[in-house]
N, C-alpha and C. Protein backbone atom coordinates (compact mmCIF):
# COMPACT_ATOMS: atom_id res chain seq x y z
N UNK A 1 5.91 -11.17 17.13
CA UNK A 1 4.27 -10.10 16.66
C UNK A 1 4.34 -10.22 15.14
N UNK A 2 5.64 -9.97 14.26
CA UNK A 2 5.39 -10.05 13.02
C UNK A 2 4.46 -11.21 12.51
N UNK A 3 4.98 -12.49 13.26
CA UNK A 3 3.88 -13.70 12.76
C UNK A 3 3.28 -13.77 13.10
N UNK A 4 2.54 -13.03 14.25
CA UNK A 4 0.74 -13.17 14.55
C UNK A 4 -0.06 -12.05 13.07
N UNK A 5 1.03 -11.14 12.88
CA UNK A 5 0.69 -10.24 11.96
C UNK A 5 0.34 -10.91 10.40
N UNK A 6 1.22 -11.65 10.22
CA UNK A 6 1.03 -12.10 8.96
C UNK A 6 0.33 -13.35 9.05
N UNK A 7 0.18 -13.87 9.73
CA UNK A 7 -1.41 -14.97 10.03
C UNK A 7 -2.72 -14.38 9.81
N UNK A 8 -2.38 -13.39 10.50
CA UNK A 8 -3.97 -12.30 10.40
C UNK A 8 -3.78 -11.97 8.62
N UNK A 9 -3.14 -11.42 8.35
CA UNK A 9 -3.20 -10.71 7.03
C UNK A 9 -3.61 -12.25 5.88
N UNK A 10 -2.79 -13.22 6.07
CA UNK A 10 -3.28 -14.33 5.04
C UNK A 10 -4.52 -15.12 5.40
N UNK A 11 -5.08 -15.00 6.42
CA UNK A 11 -6.61 -15.42 6.44
C UNK A 11 -7.79 -14.51 5.93
N UNK A 12 -7.32 -13.32 5.95
CA UNK A 12 -8.14 -12.10 5.29
C UNK A 12 -8.24 -12.60 3.76
N UNK A 13 -9.61 -12.33 3.05
CA UNK A 13 -9.78 -12.27 1.92
C UNK A 13 -9.05 -11.38 1.01
N UNK A 14 -8.54 -12.20 0.04
CA UNK A 14 -7.54 -11.35 -1.34
C UNK A 14 -8.56 -10.16 -1.42
N UNK A 15 -7.87 -9.08 -1.84
CA UNK A 15 -8.01 -8.18 -2.21
C UNK A 15 -8.44 -7.90 -4.14
N UNK A 16 -9.83 -7.67 -4.40
CA UNK A 16 -9.82 -7.63 -5.69
C UNK A 16 -10.75 -6.38 -6.61
N UNK A 17 -9.49 -5.86 -6.48
CA UNK A 17 -9.43 -4.55 -7.01
C UNK A 17 -8.51 -4.11 -8.03
N UNK A 18 -8.27 -3.02 -8.35
CA UNK A 18 -7.30 -2.06 -9.08
C UNK A 18 -6.17 -1.14 -8.63
N UNK A 19 -6.76 -0.47 -7.21
CA UNK A 19 -5.94 0.92 -7.42
C UNK A 19 -5.88 0.83 -5.83
N UNK A 20 -4.61 0.55 -4.76
CA UNK A 20 -4.55 1.09 -3.61
C UNK A 20 -3.64 2.18 -3.05
N UNK A 21 -3.88 2.82 -1.92
CA UNK A 21 -2.96 4.06 -1.76
C UNK A 21 -2.20 4.03 -0.38
N UNK A 22 -1.17 4.61 -0.36
CA UNK A 22 -0.36 4.30 0.96
C UNK A 22 0.27 6.12 1.35
N UNK A 23 -0.73 6.54 2.41
CA UNK A 23 0.09 7.86 2.61
C UNK A 23 0.96 7.43 3.56
N UNK A 24 2.12 8.11 3.25
CA UNK A 24 3.59 7.82 4.00
C UNK A 24 3.35 8.12 5.53
N UNK A 25 4.43 7.85 6.19
CA UNK A 25 4.58 8.40 7.62
C UNK A 25 6.18 8.10 7.18
N UNK A 26 6.84 8.65 8.95
CA UNK A 26 7.95 8.78 8.85
C UNK A 26 8.77 8.00 8.99
N UNK A 27 9.67 7.45 7.92
CA UNK A 27 10.55 6.08 7.87
C UNK A 27 10.21 5.85 6.51
N UNK A 28 9.21 5.89 6.05
CA UNK A 28 8.64 4.99 4.51
C UNK A 28 10.00 5.56 3.45
N UNK A 29 10.05 4.56 2.78
CA UNK A 29 11.03 5.13 1.36
C UNK A 29 10.43 6.23 0.54
N UNK A 30 10.89 7.09 -0.16
CA UNK A 30 10.19 7.95 -0.92
C UNK A 30 11.00 8.33 -1.96
N UNK A 31 12.36 8.26 -2.04
CA UNK A 31 13.39 8.47 -2.93
C UNK A 31 13.38 7.33 -3.76
N UNK A 32 12.59 7.44 -4.87
CA UNK A 32 12.56 6.04 -5.84
C UNK A 32 12.68 6.70 -6.90
N UNK A 33 13.31 5.61 -7.87
CA UNK A 33 13.80 6.24 -9.66
C UNK A 33 12.66 5.00 -10.08
N UNK A 34 12.04 5.78 -11.23
CA UNK A 34 11.44 4.87 -12.00
C UNK A 34 11.98 3.47 -12.33
N UNK A 35 11.53 2.70 -12.55
CA UNK A 35 11.89 1.21 -12.68
C UNK A 35 12.52 0.59 -11.40
N UNK A 36 12.46 1.09 -10.36
CA UNK A 36 13.13 0.75 -9.47
C UNK A 36 12.24 -0.32 -8.84
N UNK A 37 12.77 -1.74 -7.81
CA UNK A 37 11.72 -2.15 -7.31
C UNK A 37 12.17 -2.09 -5.97
N UNK A 38 11.09 -1.87 -5.30
CA UNK A 38 10.61 -1.90 -3.79
C UNK A 38 10.08 -3.23 -2.92
N UNK A 39 11.09 -3.36 -1.99
CA UNK A 39 10.42 -4.69 -1.43
C UNK A 39 10.79 -4.40 0.27
N UNK A 40 9.77 -3.70 0.87
CA UNK A 40 9.99 -3.84 2.13
C UNK A 40 9.23 -5.18 2.90
N UNK A 41 10.47 -5.05 4.14
CA UNK A 41 10.95 -6.10 5.01
C UNK A 41 9.43 -6.23 5.81
N UNK A 42 8.52 -5.44 5.62
CA UNK A 42 7.37 -5.57 6.79
C UNK A 42 6.39 -5.65 5.97
N UNK A 43 5.07 -6.11 6.64
CA UNK A 43 3.90 -6.09 5.77
C UNK A 43 3.83 -4.47 5.34
N UNK A 44 2.54 -4.05 4.26
CA UNK A 44 2.67 -2.91 3.92
C UNK A 44 1.03 -2.51 3.95
N UNK A 45 0.76 -1.54 4.68
CA UNK A 45 -0.89 -1.21 4.90
C UNK A 45 -1.18 0.08 4.06
N UNK A 46 -2.10 -0.56 3.41
CA UNK A 46 -2.83 0.56 2.39
C UNK A 46 -4.37 0.98 2.62
N UNK A 47 -5.01 1.48 1.73
CA UNK A 47 -6.36 1.96 1.96
C UNK A 47 -6.79 2.05 0.40
N UNK A 48 -8.29 1.68 0.56
CA UNK A 48 -8.59 1.42 -1.15
C UNK A 48 -9.35 3.06 -1.55
N UNK A 49 -8.82 4.05 -0.38
CA UNK A 49 -9.74 5.14 -0.82
C UNK A 49 -8.42 6.31 -1.05
N UNK A 50 -8.65 7.26 -1.74
CA UNK A 50 -7.60 8.16 -2.02
C UNK A 50 -7.86 9.54 -1.50
N UNK A 51 -7.83 9.71 -0.52
CA UNK A 51 -7.89 11.29 0.13
C UNK A 51 -7.41 12.39 -0.18
N UNK A 52 -6.63 12.17 -1.08
CA UNK A 52 -6.30 13.58 -1.66
C UNK A 52 -5.72 14.83 -0.61
N UNK A 53 -5.00 13.95 0.26
CA UNK A 53 -5.03 15.03 1.76
C UNK A 53 -3.51 15.88 1.05
N UNK A 54 -2.57 15.51 0.54
CA UNK A 54 -1.17 16.46 -0.05
C UNK A 54 -0.91 16.87 1.31
N UNK A 55 -0.50 16.11 2.50
CA UNK A 55 0.09 16.18 3.51
C UNK A 55 1.25 15.31 3.56
N UNK A 56 1.77 14.42 2.57
CA UNK A 56 2.69 13.64 2.30
C UNK A 56 2.74 12.99 1.31
N UNK A 57 3.97 12.11 0.79
CA UNK A 57 4.11 11.34 -0.20
C UNK A 57 2.94 10.43 -0.47
N UNK A 58 2.32 10.06 -1.29
CA UNK A 58 1.28 8.82 -1.52
C UNK A 58 2.09 7.73 -2.69
N UNK A 59 1.98 6.64 -1.95
CA UNK A 59 2.28 5.25 -2.88
C UNK A 59 1.05 5.06 -3.60
N UNK A 60 0.81 4.92 -4.95
CA UNK A 60 -0.12 4.47 -5.83
C UNK A 60 0.19 3.06 -6.15
N UNK A 61 -0.61 2.12 -5.85
CA UNK A 61 -0.15 0.46 -6.11
C UNK A 61 -1.45 0.12 -7.05
N UNK A 62 -1.07 -0.18 -8.53
CA UNK A 62 -1.94 -0.95 -9.06
C UNK A 62 -1.71 -2.30 -8.79
N UNK A 63 -2.72 -3.09 -8.58
CA UNK A 63 -2.34 -4.60 -7.91
C UNK A 63 -2.69 -5.38 -9.22
N UNK A 64 -1.87 -6.74 -9.10
CA UNK A 64 -1.98 -7.73 -9.36
C UNK A 64 -3.75 -8.37 -9.74
N UNK A 65 -4.05 -8.93 -10.42
CA UNK A 65 -5.29 -10.08 -10.57
C UNK A 65 -5.54 -10.63 -9.04
N UNK A 66 -6.57 -10.98 -8.80
CA UNK A 66 -7.03 -11.52 -7.42
C UNK A 66 -5.84 -12.90 -7.24
N UNK A 67 -5.93 -13.94 -8.17
CA UNK A 67 -5.03 -14.76 -8.13
C UNK A 67 -3.78 -14.81 -7.81
N UNK A 68 -3.42 -13.51 -7.94
CA UNK A 68 -1.82 -13.32 -7.91
C UNK A 68 -1.67 -12.61 -7.02
N UNK A 69 -2.30 -11.76 -6.26
CA UNK A 69 -1.65 -10.42 -5.42
C UNK A 69 -1.35 -11.14 -4.22
N UNK A 70 -0.72 -10.13 -3.44
CA UNK A 70 -0.17 -10.40 -1.91
C UNK A 70 -1.14 -9.33 -1.04
N UNK A 71 -2.27 -8.71 -1.82
CA UNK A 71 -2.93 -7.85 -0.96
C UNK A 71 -4.12 -8.53 -0.14
N UNK A 72 -4.67 -8.16 1.15
CA UNK A 72 -5.60 -8.91 1.59
C UNK A 72 -6.30 -7.71 2.17
N UNK A 73 -7.73 -8.03 2.44
CA UNK A 73 -8.88 -7.50 2.79
C UNK A 73 -8.79 -7.20 4.24
N UNK A 74 -8.05 -6.61 5.27
CA UNK A 74 -8.26 -6.57 6.54
C UNK A 74 -9.35 -5.84 7.12
N UNK A 75 -9.83 -5.09 6.43
CA UNK A 75 -11.14 -4.41 7.04
C UNK A 75 -12.47 -5.30 6.69
N UNK A 76 -12.34 -6.62 6.17
CA UNK A 76 -13.41 -7.69 6.45
C UNK A 76 -13.88 -7.87 7.46
N UNK A 77 -12.43 -8.02 8.22
CA UNK A 77 -12.08 -8.87 9.38
C UNK A 77 -12.55 -7.81 10.98
N UNK A 78 -11.65 -6.78 10.38
CA UNK A 78 -12.33 -5.45 11.53
C UNK A 78 -11.83 -4.19 10.80
N UNK A 79 -12.79 -3.54 10.43
CA UNK A 79 -12.80 -2.09 10.49
C UNK A 79 -12.95 -0.84 11.14
N UNK A 80 -11.73 -0.48 11.48
CA UNK A 80 -11.46 0.58 11.76
C UNK A 80 -11.86 2.27 11.90
N UNK A 81 -13.30 2.91 12.03
CA UNK A 81 -13.48 4.16 11.58
C UNK A 81 -13.82 3.84 9.92
N UNK A 82 -14.28 2.92 9.48
CA UNK A 82 -14.76 2.72 7.96
C UNK A 82 -13.74 2.96 7.39
N UNK A 83 -12.41 2.52 7.75
CA UNK A 83 -11.35 2.73 6.77
C UNK A 83 -11.45 1.15 6.06
N UNK A 84 -10.66 1.48 4.91
CA UNK A 84 -10.75 0.10 4.18
C UNK A 84 -9.37 -0.42 4.19
N UNK A 85 -9.16 -0.86 4.95
CA UNK A 85 -7.65 -1.38 5.17
C UNK A 85 -7.36 -2.66 4.70
N UNK A 86 -6.51 -2.39 3.61
CA UNK A 86 -5.80 -3.59 2.68
C UNK A 86 -4.15 -3.89 3.06
N UNK A 87 -3.91 -4.92 3.59
CA UNK A 87 -2.50 -5.00 3.69
C UNK A 87 -1.52 -6.11 2.79
N UNK A 88 -0.60 -5.65 2.55
CA UNK A 88 0.52 -6.63 1.61
C UNK A 88 1.34 -7.26 2.66
N UNK A 89 1.41 -8.62 2.11
CA UNK A 89 2.33 -9.85 3.15
C UNK A 89 3.93 -8.69 2.81
N UNK A 90 4.56 -9.29 3.87
CA UNK A 90 6.02 -8.77 3.87
C UNK A 90 6.84 -9.57 3.13
N UNK A 91 7.83 -8.74 2.10
CA UNK A 91 8.69 -9.02 1.35
C UNK A 91 7.80 -9.48 -0.11
N UNK A 92 6.55 -8.51 -0.14
CA UNK A 92 6.01 -8.50 -1.47
C UNK A 92 6.93 -7.35 -2.28
N UNK A 93 6.80 -7.43 -3.62
CA UNK A 93 7.75 -6.42 -4.79
C UNK A 93 6.46 -5.33 -5.31
N UNK A 94 7.35 -4.61 -5.19
CA UNK A 94 6.72 -3.08 -6.10
C UNK A 94 7.45 -2.68 -7.07
N UNK A 95 6.85 -2.75 -8.23
CA UNK A 95 7.66 -1.99 -9.20
C UNK A 95 7.23 -0.38 -9.82
N UNK A 96 8.32 0.74 -9.27
CA UNK A 96 7.97 1.85 -9.61
C UNK A 96 7.80 2.24 -11.17
N UNK A 97 6.84 2.61 -11.25
CA UNK A 97 6.52 3.06 -12.92
C UNK A 97 6.35 4.72 -13.25
N UNK A 98 5.98 5.29 -12.06
CA UNK A 98 5.95 6.87 -12.46
C UNK A 98 5.87 7.50 -11.04
N UNK A 99 6.49 8.58 -11.13
CA UNK A 99 6.62 9.66 -9.90
C UNK A 99 6.11 10.98 -10.56
N UNK A 100 4.95 11.43 -9.93
CA UNK A 100 4.70 12.77 -9.92
C UNK A 100 4.47 13.55 -9.03
N UNK A 101 4.96 14.55 -8.82
CA UNK A 101 4.81 16.00 -8.05
C UNK A 101 3.34 16.46 -8.04
N UNK A 102 2.87 16.18 -6.73
CA UNK A 102 1.95 16.97 -6.39
C UNK A 102 1.78 18.47 -6.21
N UNK A 103 0.76 18.74 -6.75
CA UNK A 103 0.91 20.54 -7.55
C UNK A 103 0.69 21.32 -6.08
N UNK A 104 1.72 22.72 -5.99
CA UNK A 104 1.83 23.23 -5.01
C UNK A 104 2.15 22.75 -3.54
N UNK A 105 3.17 21.48 -3.95
CA UNK A 105 3.39 20.91 -2.68
C UNK A 105 5.24 20.31 -2.75
N UNK A 106 5.52 19.90 -1.55
CA UNK A 106 7.01 18.93 -1.81
C UNK A 106 6.96 17.74 -2.10
N UNK A 107 5.85 17.13 -2.29
CA UNK A 107 5.39 15.93 -1.96
C UNK A 107 4.98 15.29 -3.36
N UNK A 108 5.00 14.01 -3.52
CA UNK A 108 4.74 13.21 -4.79
C UNK A 108 3.99 12.03 -5.17
N UNK A 109 3.41 11.65 -6.09
CA UNK A 109 2.53 10.60 -5.96
C UNK A 109 3.50 9.36 -6.86
N UNK A 110 3.74 8.12 -6.10
CA UNK A 110 4.51 7.45 -6.34
C UNK A 110 3.88 6.06 -6.96
């Protein structure tokens, strides 16, 4: 199944923007330290929209230029509910550069 998802992701056009968001789910890593490198073993689903829900931790991802990024626009292939879904290939590395507490919550913007 993971190979099928990988093949779909690589066929989607590369993301050509600056910032993506992942609203964490149970099981997502959230106990980061600044400077840490995070490399999930699975593809990482994100969105172009900052919903400012304050209901979970949020990964804020500054992307590499289009010719270097591992982010692909899945919403171009299939757009579910007008969500602009962008997926990173499994094994993509992310460097933690900032951790900020979300005001009046126990959640963080990472």
